[in-house]
Structure formats: C-alpha cells, structure tokens
C-alpha cells in the first residue's frame, strides 16, 4: 500500500493520517511489532511445554493427583 502511494505522484492527501510519511512510519512500527512476536513465540512455546509437562506428564503431576483424590473420594 505504501509502495502504491509512493508511486502515485498525484497522491497528496489533506489528512495527516493518510500521508505517505505517516503510513511509512506505521508500516515500520507494525513490522517491528510483528518481529517481536515472532521472536517471542519460541520462548512462549517452551514455557507452555514446561507447564504441560508439570501439569499432565510427570508422575507427580496435578492431573495424576486429582485422579488419586477422585479415586479416594469414590472409595469413601
């Protein structure tokens, strides 16, 4: 979109939020935010894997404990 606005010599909007400079800055900010998300995803996935292992996969996990508690309560 910015390339299209830049290529058109007759594009001269009166509104500040529609100017080429404003949109170029917005594009750069959005690309930076997208890069930040891309860089944060591996750490987030590792955290989720660690959490899931602690909650579900370990023999001493919360899930295993709740099953034992449920069995105990049923036996009463």
PDB file of N, CA and C in Angstrom:
ATOM      1  N   UNK A   1       0.831  -1.179   0.000  1.00  0.00           N
ATOM      2  CA  UNK A   1       0.000   0.000   0.000  1.00  0.00           C
ATOM      3  C   UNK A   1       0.884   1.253   0.000  1.00  0.00           C
ATOM      4  N   UNK A   2       1.909   1.248   0.852  1.00  0.00           N
ATOM      5  CA  UNK A   2       2.807   2.399   0.909  1.00  0.00           C
ATOM      6  C   UNK A   2       3.549   2.550  -0.415  1.00  0.00           C
ATOM      7  N   UNK A   3       3.941   1.436  -0.999  1.00  0.00           N
ATOM      8  CA  UNK A   3       4.632   1.497  -2.297  1.00  0.00           C
ATOM      9  C   UNK A   3       3.707   2.065  -3.363  1.00  0.00           C
ATOM     10  N   UNK A   4       2.440   1.698  -3.300  1.00  0.00           N
ATOM     11  CA  UNK A   4       1.465   2.217  -4.249  1.00  0.00           C
ATOM     12  C   UNK A   4       1.282   3.728  -4.065  1.00  0.00           C
ATOM     13  N   UNK A   5       1.199   4.173  -2.809  1.00  0.00           N
ATOM     14  CA  UNK A   5       1.063   5.616  -2.546  1.00  0.00           C
ATOM     15  C   UNK A   5       2.298   6.380  -2.992  1.00  0.00           C
ATOM     16  N   UNK A   6       3.461   5.786  -2.777  1.00  0.00           N
ATOM     17  CA  UNK A   6       4.708   6.449  -3.162  1.00  0.00           C
ATOM     18  C   UNK A   6       4.837   6.551  -4.680  1.00  0.00           C
ATOM     19  N   UNK A   7       4.360   5.536  -5.383  1.00  0.00           N
ATOM     20  CA  UNK A   7       4.473   5.513  -6.842  1.00  0.00           C
ATOM     21  C   UNK A   7       3.526   6.497  -7.518  1.00  0.00           C
ATOM     22  N   UNK A   8       2.480   6.898  -6.851  1.00  0.00           N
ATOM     23  CA  UNK A   8       1.493   7.804  -7.443  1.00  0.00           C
ATOM     24  C   UNK A   8       1.869   9.255  -7.125  1.00  0.00           C
ATOM     25  N   UNK A   9       2.308  10.014  -8.122  1.00  0.00           N
ATOM     26  CA  UNK A   9       2.733  11.397  -7.872  1.00  0.00           C
ATOM     27  C   UNK A   9       1.570  12.341  -7.511  1.00  0.00           C
ATOM     28  N   UNK A  10       0.353  12.001  -7.880  1.00  0.00           N
ATOM     29  CA  UNK A  10      -0.788  12.863  -7.594  1.00  0.00           C
ATOM     30  C   UNK A  10      -1.401  12.600  -6.214  1.00  0.00           C
ATOM     31  N   UNK A  11      -0.857  11.652  -5.473  1.00  0.00           N
ATOM     32  CA  UNK A  11      -1.394  11.329  -4.149  1.00  0.00           C
ATOM     33  C   UNK A  11      -0.883  12.343  -3.130  1.00  0.00           C
ATOM     34  N   UNK A  12      -1.731  13.287  -2.785  1.00  0.00           N
ATOM     35  CA  UNK A  12      -1.398  14.300  -1.773  1.00  0.00           C
ATOM     36  C   UNK A  12      -2.624  14.532  -0.889  1.00  0.00           C
ATOM     37  N   UNK A  13      -2.815  13.678   0.117  1.00  0.00           N
ATOM     38  CA  UNK A  13      -3.994  13.817   0.974  1.00  0.00           C
ATOM     39  C   UNK A  13      -3.871  15.005   1.926  1.00  0.00           C
ATOM     40  N   UNK A  14      -4.996  15.534   2.337  1.00  0.00           N
ATOM     41  CA  UNK A  14      -5.008  16.644   3.288  1.00  0.00           C
ATOM     42  C   UNK A  14      -4.938  16.142   4.731  1.00  0.00           C
ATOM     43  N   UNK A  15      -5.401  14.930   4.978  1.00  0.00           N
ATOM     44  CA  UNK A  15      -5.406  14.379   6.323  1.00  0.00           C
ATOM     45  C   UNK A  15      -4.030  13.831   6.673  1.00  0.00           C
ATOM     46  N   UNK A  16      -3.566  14.122   7.884  1.00  0.00           N
ATOM     47  CA  UNK A  16      -2.225  13.712   8.312  1.00  0.00           C
ATOM     48  C   UNK A  16      -2.096  12.193   8.404  1.00  0.00           C
ATOM     49  N   UNK A  17      -3.156  11.507   8.818  1.00  0.00           N
ATOM     50  CA  UNK A  17      -3.065  10.059   8.985  1.00  0.00           C
ATOM     51  C   UNK A  17      -3.058   9.303   7.650  1.00  0.00           C
ATOM     52  N   UNK A  18      -3.248   9.995   6.558  1.00  0.00           N
ATOM     53  CA  UNK A  18      -3.231   9.356   5.244  1.00  0.00           C
ATOM     54  C   UNK A  18      -1.975   9.673   4.431  1.00  0.00           C
ATOM     55  N   UNK A  19      -1.069  10.448   4.980  1.00  0.00           N
ATOM     56  CA  UNK A  19       0.136  10.821   4.228  1.00  0.00           C
ATOM     57  C   UNK A  19       1.074   9.625   4.088  1.00  0.00           C
ATOM     58  N   UNK A  20       1.951   9.720   3.107  1.00  0.00           N
ATOM     59  CA  UNK A  20       2.918   8.653   2.853  1.00  0.00           C
ATOM     60  C   UNK A  20       3.854   8.500   4.045  1.00  0.00           C
ATOM     61  N   UNK A  21       4.309   9.595   4.614  1.00  0.00           N
ATOM     62  CA  UNK A  21       5.237   9.537   5.747  1.00  0.00           C
ATOM     63  C   UNK A  21       4.593   8.850   6.955  1.00  0.00           C
ATOM     64  N   UNK A  22       3.363   9.197   7.253  1.00  0.00           N
ATOM     65  CA  UNK A  22       2.666   8.583   8.389  1.00  0.00           C
ATOM     66  C   UNK A  22       2.467   7.095   8.165  1.00  0.00           C
ATOM     67  N   UNK A  23       2.083   6.733   6.970  1.00  0.00           N
ATOM     68  CA  UNK A  23       1.866   5.319   6.670  1.00  0.00           C
ATOM     69  C   UNK A  23       3.173   4.532   6.622  1.00  0.00           C
ATOM     70  N   UNK A  24       4.247   5.169   6.198  1.00  0.00           N
ATOM     71  CA  UNK A  24       5.556   4.521   6.218  1.00  0.00           C
ATOM     72  C   UNK A  24       5.979   4.252   7.653  1.00  0.00           C
ATOM     73  N   UNK A  25       5.769   5.215   8.536  1.00  0.00           N
ATOM     74  CA  UNK A  25       6.084   5.033   9.949  1.00  0.00           C
ATOM     75  C   UNK A  25       5.220   3.936  10.556  1.00  0.00           C
ATOM     76  N   UNK A  26       3.937   3.936  10.242  1.00  0.00           N
ATOM     77  CA  UNK A  26       3.027   2.917  10.734  1.00  0.00           C
ATOM     78  C   UNK A  26       3.458   1.527  10.265  1.00  0.00           C
ATOM     79  N   UNK A  27       3.849   1.415   9.010  1.00  0.00           N
ATOM     80  CA  UNK A  27       4.312   0.143   8.463  1.00  0.00           C
ATOM     81  C   UNK A  27       5.556  -0.339   9.208  1.00  0.00           C
ATOM     82  N   UNK A  28       6.493   0.550   9.446  1.00  0.00           N
ATOM     83  CA  UNK A  28       7.718   0.175  10.165  1.00  0.00           C
ATOM     84  C   UNK A  28       7.395  -0.274  11.590  1.00  0.00           C
ATOM     85  N   UNK A  29       6.474   0.426  12.250  1.00  0.00           N
ATOM     86  CA  UNK A  29       6.068   0.037  13.606  1.00  0.00           C
ATOM     87  C   UNK A  29       5.397  -1.336  13.606  1.00  0.00           C
ATOM     88  N   UNK A  30       4.548  -1.574  12.629  1.00  0.00           N
ATOM     89  CA  UNK A  30       3.853  -2.861  12.549  1.00  0.00           C
ATOM     90  C   UNK A  30       4.828  -3.994  12.248  1.00  0.00           C
ATOM     91  N   UNK A  31       5.793  -3.760  11.380  1.00  0.00           N
ATOM     92  CA  UNK A  31       6.791  -4.782  11.080  1.00  0.00           C
ATOM     93  C   UNK A  31       7.642  -5.070  12.319  1.00  0.00           C
ATOM     94  N   UNK A  32       7.979  -4.037  13.078  1.00  0.00           N
ATOM     95  CA  UNK A  32       8.742  -4.230  14.312  1.00  0.00           C
ATOM     96  C   UNK A  32       7.962  -5.033  15.334  1.00  0.00           C
ATOM     97  N   UNK A  33       6.681  -4.728  15.485  1.00  0.00           N
ATOM     98  CA  UNK A  33       5.837  -5.473  16.417  1.00  0.00           C
ATOM     99  C   UNK A  33       5.695  -6.922  15.965  1.00  0.00           C
ATOM    100  N   UNK A  34       5.568  -7.139  14.672  1.00  0.00           N
ATOM    101  CA  UNK A  34       5.472  -8.499  14.148  1.00  0.00           C
ATOM    102  C   UNK A  34       6.761  -9.271  14.416  1.00  0.00           C
ATOM    103  N   UNK A  35       7.904  -8.629  14.238  1.00  0.00           N
ATOM    104  CA  UNK A  35       9.188  -9.274  14.530  1.00  0.00           C
ATOM    105  C   UNK A  35       9.296  -9.614  16.014  1.00  0.00           C
ATOM    106  N   UNK A  36       8.815  -8.731  16.879  1.00  0.00           N
ATOM    107  CA  UNK A  36       8.836  -9.001  18.321  1.00  0.00           C
ATOM    108  C   UNK A  36       8.016 -10.237  18.656  1.00  0.00           C
ATOM    109  N   UNK A  37       6.865 -10.380  18.034  1.00  0.00           N
ATOM    110  CA  UNK A  37       6.015 -11.548  18.272  1.00  0.00           C
ATOM    111  C   UNK A  37       6.703 -12.808  17.758  1.00  0.00           C
ATOM    112  N   UNK A  38       7.279 -12.738  16.578  1.00  0.00           N
ATOM    113  CA  UNK A  38       7.974 -13.892  16.004  1.00  0.00           C
ATOM    114  C   UNK A  38       9.106 -14.332  16.919  1.00  0.00           C
ATOM    115  N   UNK A  39       9.831 -13.376  17.501  1.00  0.00           N
ATOM    116  CA  UNK A  39      10.946 -13.706  18.383  1.00  0.00           C
ATOM    117  C   UNK A  39      10.468 -14.219  19.744  1.00  0.00           C
ATOM    118  N   UNK A  40       9.276 -13.854  20.169  1.00  0.00           N
ATOM    119  CA  UNK A  40       8.759 -14.269  21.467  1.00  0.00           C
ATOM    120  C   UNK A  40       8.098 -15.644  21.424  1.00  0.00           C
ATOM    121  N   UNK A  41       7.690 -16.103  20.279  1.00  0.00           N
ATOM    122  CA  UNK A  41       6.955 -17.364  20.171  1.00  0.00           C
ATOM    123  C   UNK A  41       7.761 -18.570  20.670  1.00  0.00           C
ATOM    124  N   UNK A  42       9.046 -18.732  20.318  1.00  0.00           N
ATOM    125  CA  UNK A  42       9.771 -19.912  20.824  1.00  0.00           C
ATOM    126  C   UNK A  42       9.829 -19.968  22.358  1.00  0.00           C
ATOM    127  N   UNK A  43      10.066 -18.850  23.009  1.00  0.00           N
ATOM    128  CA  UNK A  43      10.098 -18.840  24.472  1.00  0.00           C
ATOM    129  C   UNK A  43       8.726 -19.188  25.033  1.00  0.00           C
ATOM    130  N   UNK A  44       7.672 -18.687  24.419  1.00  0.00           N
ATOM    131  CA  UNK A  44       6.317 -18.989  24.866  1.00  0.00           C
ATOM    132  C   UNK A  44       6.017 -20.478  24.700  1.00  0.00           C
ATOM    133  N   UNK A  45       6.407 -21.048  23.557  1.00  0.00           N
ATOM    134  CA  UNK A  45       6.170 -22.476  23.327  1.00  0.00           C
ATOM    135  C   UNK A  45       6.926 -23.328  24.338  1.00  0.00           C
ATOM    136  N   UNK A  46       8.164 -22.926  24.661  1.00  0.00           N
ATOM    137  CA  UNK A  46       8.933 -23.657  25.662  1.00  0.00           C
ATOM    138  C   UNK A  46       8.262 -23.572  27.026  1.00  0.00           C
ATOM    139  N   UNK A  47       7.746 -22.412  27.369  1.00  0.00           N
ATOM    140  CA  UNK A  47       7.045 -22.247  28.641  1.00  0.00           C
ATOM    141  C   UNK A  47       5.789 -23.112  28.683  1.00  0.00           C
ATOM    142  N   UNK A  48       5.051 -23.154  27.596  1.00  0.00           N
ATOM    143  CA  UNK A  48       3.844 -23.962  27.541  1.00  0.00           C
ATOM    144  C   UNK A  48       4.177 -25.453  27.644  1.00  0.00           C
ATOM    145  N   UNK A  49       5.249 -25.881  26.997  1.00  0.00           N
ATOM    146  CA  UNK A  49       5.654 -27.285  27.071  1.00  0.00           C
ATOM    147  C   UNK A  49       6.050 -27.646  28.497  1.00  0.00           C
ATOM    148  N   UNK A  50       6.769 -26.750  29.150  1.00  0.00           N
ATOM    149  CA  UNK A  50       7.163 -26.976  30.544  1.00  0.00           C
ATOM    150  C   UNK A  50       5.937 -27.036  31.448  1.00  0.00           C
ATOM    151  N   UNK A  51       4.999 -26.139  31.244  1.00  0.00           N
ATOM    152  CA  UNK A  51       3.774 -26.121  32.030  1.00  0.00           C
ATOM    153  C   UNK A  51       2.975 -27.397  31.817  1.00  0.00           C
ATOM    154  N   UNK A  52       2.832 -27.799  30.563  1.00  0.00           N
ATOM    155  CA  UNK A  52       2.068 -29.008  30.266  1.00  0.00           C
ATOM    156  C   UNK A  52       2.727 -30.245  30.870  1.00  0.00           C
ATOM    157  N   UNK A  53       4.051 -30.289  30.825  1.00  0.00           N
ATOM    158  CA  UNK A  53       4.751 -31.420  31.430  1.00  0.00           C
ATOM    159  C   UNK A  53       4.496 -31.448  32.931  1.00  0.00           C
ATOM    160  N   UNK A  54       4.547 -30.303  33.565  1.00  0.00           N
ATOM    161  CA  UNK A  54       4.333 -30.232  35.016  1.00  0.00           C
ATOM    162  C   UNK A  54       2.885 -30.563  35.386  1.00  0.00           C
ATOM    163  N   UNK A  55       1.948 -30.148  34.580  1.00  0.00           N
ATOM    164  CA  UNK A  55       0.545 -30.385  34.905  1.00  0.00           C
ATOM    165  C   UNK A  55       0.059 -31.779  34.529  1.00  0.00           C
ATOM    166  N   UNK A  56       0.578 -32.346  33.435  1.00  0.00           N
ATOM    167  CA  UNK A  56      -0.020 -33.564  32.899  1.00  0.00           C
ATOM    168  C   UNK A  56       0.925 -34.755  32.767  1.00  0.00           C
ATOM    169  N   UNK A  57       2.188 -34.541  32.432  1.00  0.00           N
ATOM    170  CA  UNK A  57       3.059 -35.645  32.046  1.00  0.00           C
ATOM    171  C   UNK A  57       3.848 -36.257  33.198  1.00  0.00           C
ATOM    172  N   UNK A  58       4.218 -35.485  34.207  1.00  0.00           N
ATOM    173  CA  UNK A  58       5.006 -36.004  35.322  1.00  0.00           C
ATOM    174  C   UNK A  58       4.193 -37.017  36.117  1.00  0.00           C
ATOM    175  N   UNK A  59       4.867 -38.006  36.695  1.00  0.00           N
ATOM    176  CA  UNK A  59       4.137 -38.951  37.543  1.00  0.00           C
ATOM    177  C   UNK A  59       3.540 -38.271  38.783  1.00  0.00           C
ATOM    178  N   UNK A  60       4.122 -37.159  39.178  1.00  0.00           N
ATOM    179  CA  UNK A  60       3.634 -36.413  40.344  1.00  0.00           C
ATOM    180  C   UNK A  60       2.891 -35.148  39.898  1.00  0.00           C
ATOM    181  N   UNK A  61       2.226 -35.222  38.751  1.00  0.00           N
ATOM    182  CA  UNK A  61       1.564 -34.041  38.195  1.00  0.00           C
ATOM    183  C   UNK A  61       0.241 -33.748  38.890  1.00  0.00           C
ATOM    184  N   UNK A  62      -0.271 -32.580  38.648  1.00  0.00           N
ATOM    185  CA  UNK A  62      -1.561 -32.169  39.204  1.00  0.00           C
ATOM    186  C   UNK A  62      -2.666 -33.090  38.685  1.00  0.00           C
ATOM    187  N   UNK A  63      -2.586 -33.449  37.433  1.00  0.00           N
ATOM    188  CA  UNK A  63      -3.600 -34.322  36.837  1.00  0.00           C
ATOM    189  C   UNK A  63      -3.607 -35.692  37.511  1.00  0.00           C
ATOM    190  N   UNK A  64      -2.427 -36.252  37.731  1.00  0.00           N
ATOM    191  CA  UNK A  64      -2.337 -37.559  38.391  1.00  0.00           C
ATOM    192  C   UNK A  64      -2.850 -37.482  39.831  1.00  0.00           C
ATOM    193  N   UNK A  65      -2.529 -36.393  40.511  1.00  0.00           N
ATOM    194  CA  UNK A  65      -3.001 -36.229  41.887  1.00  0.00           C
ATOM    195  C   UNK A  65      -4.516 -36.132  41.950  1.00  0.00           C
ATOM    196  N   UNK A  66      -5.105 -35.402  41.028  1.00  0.00           N
ATOM    197  CA  UNK A  66      -6.568 -35.279  41.064  1.00  0.00           C
ATOM    198  C   UNK A  66      -7.224 -36.613  40.800  1.00  0.00           C
ATOM    199  N   UNK A  67      -6.606 -37.457  39.976  1.00  0.00           N
ATOM    200  CA  UNK A  67      -7.161 -38.791  39.761  1.00  0.00           C
ATOM    201  C   UNK A  67      -7.108 -39.619  41.043  1.00  0.00           C
ATOM    202  N   UNK A  68      -6.000 -39.500  41.779  1.00  0.00           N
ATOM    203  CA  UNK A  68      -5.893 -40.230  43.039  1.00  0.00           C
ATOM    204  C   UNK A  68      -6.908 -39.735  44.061  1.00  0.00           C
ATOM    205  N   UNK A  69      -7.081 -38.425  44.123  1.00  0.00           N
ATOM    206  CA  UNK A  69      -8.062 -37.851  45.053  1.00  0.00           C
ATOM    207  C   UNK A  69      -9.468 -38.305  44.675  1.00  0.00           C
ATOM    208  N   UNK A  70      -9.768 -38.318  43.394  1.00  0.00           N
ATOM    209  CA  UNK A  70     -11.083 -38.747  42.942  1.00  0.00           C
ATOM    210  C   UNK A  70     -11.337 -40.206  43.320  1.00  0.00           C
ATOM    211  N   UNK A  71     -10.338 -41.051  43.101  1.00  0.00           N
ATOM    212  CA  UNK A  71     -10.473 -42.454  43.477  1.00  0.00           C
ATOM    213  C   UNK A  71     -10.681 -42.610  44.975  1.00  0.00           C
ATOM    214  N   UNK A  72      -9.958 -41.825  45.751  1.00  0.00           N
ATOM    215  CA  UNK A  72     -10.088 -41.886  47.207  1.00  0.00           C
ATOM    216  C   UNK A  72     -11.499 -41.474  47.636  1.00  0.00           C
ATOM    217  N   UNK A  73     -11.984 -40.378  47.072  1.00  0.00           N
ATOM    218  CA  UNK A  73     -13.322 -39.894  47.443  1.00  0.00           C
ATOM    219  C   UNK A  73     -14.385 -40.911  47.038  1.00  0.00           C
ATOM    220  N   UNK A  74     -14.230 -41.540  45.910  1.00  0.00           N
ATOM    221  CA  UNK A  74     -15.181 -42.565  45.468  1.00  0.00           C
ATOM    222  C   UNK A  74     -15.192 -43.764  46.419  1.00  0.00           C
ATOM    223  N   UNK A  75     -14.040 -44.061  47.004  1.00  0.00           N
ATOM    224  CA  UNK A  75     -13.936 -45.240  47.867  1.00  0.00           C
ATOM    225  C   UNK A  75     -14.572 -45.023  49.238  1.00  0.00           C
ATOM    226  N   UNK A  76     -14.855 -43.774  49.556  1.00  0.00           N
ATOM    227  CA  UNK A  76     -15.452 -43.499  50.880  1.00  0.00           C
ATOM    228  C   UNK A  76     -16.874 -43.865  50.951  1.00  0.00           C
TER     229      UNK A  76
END
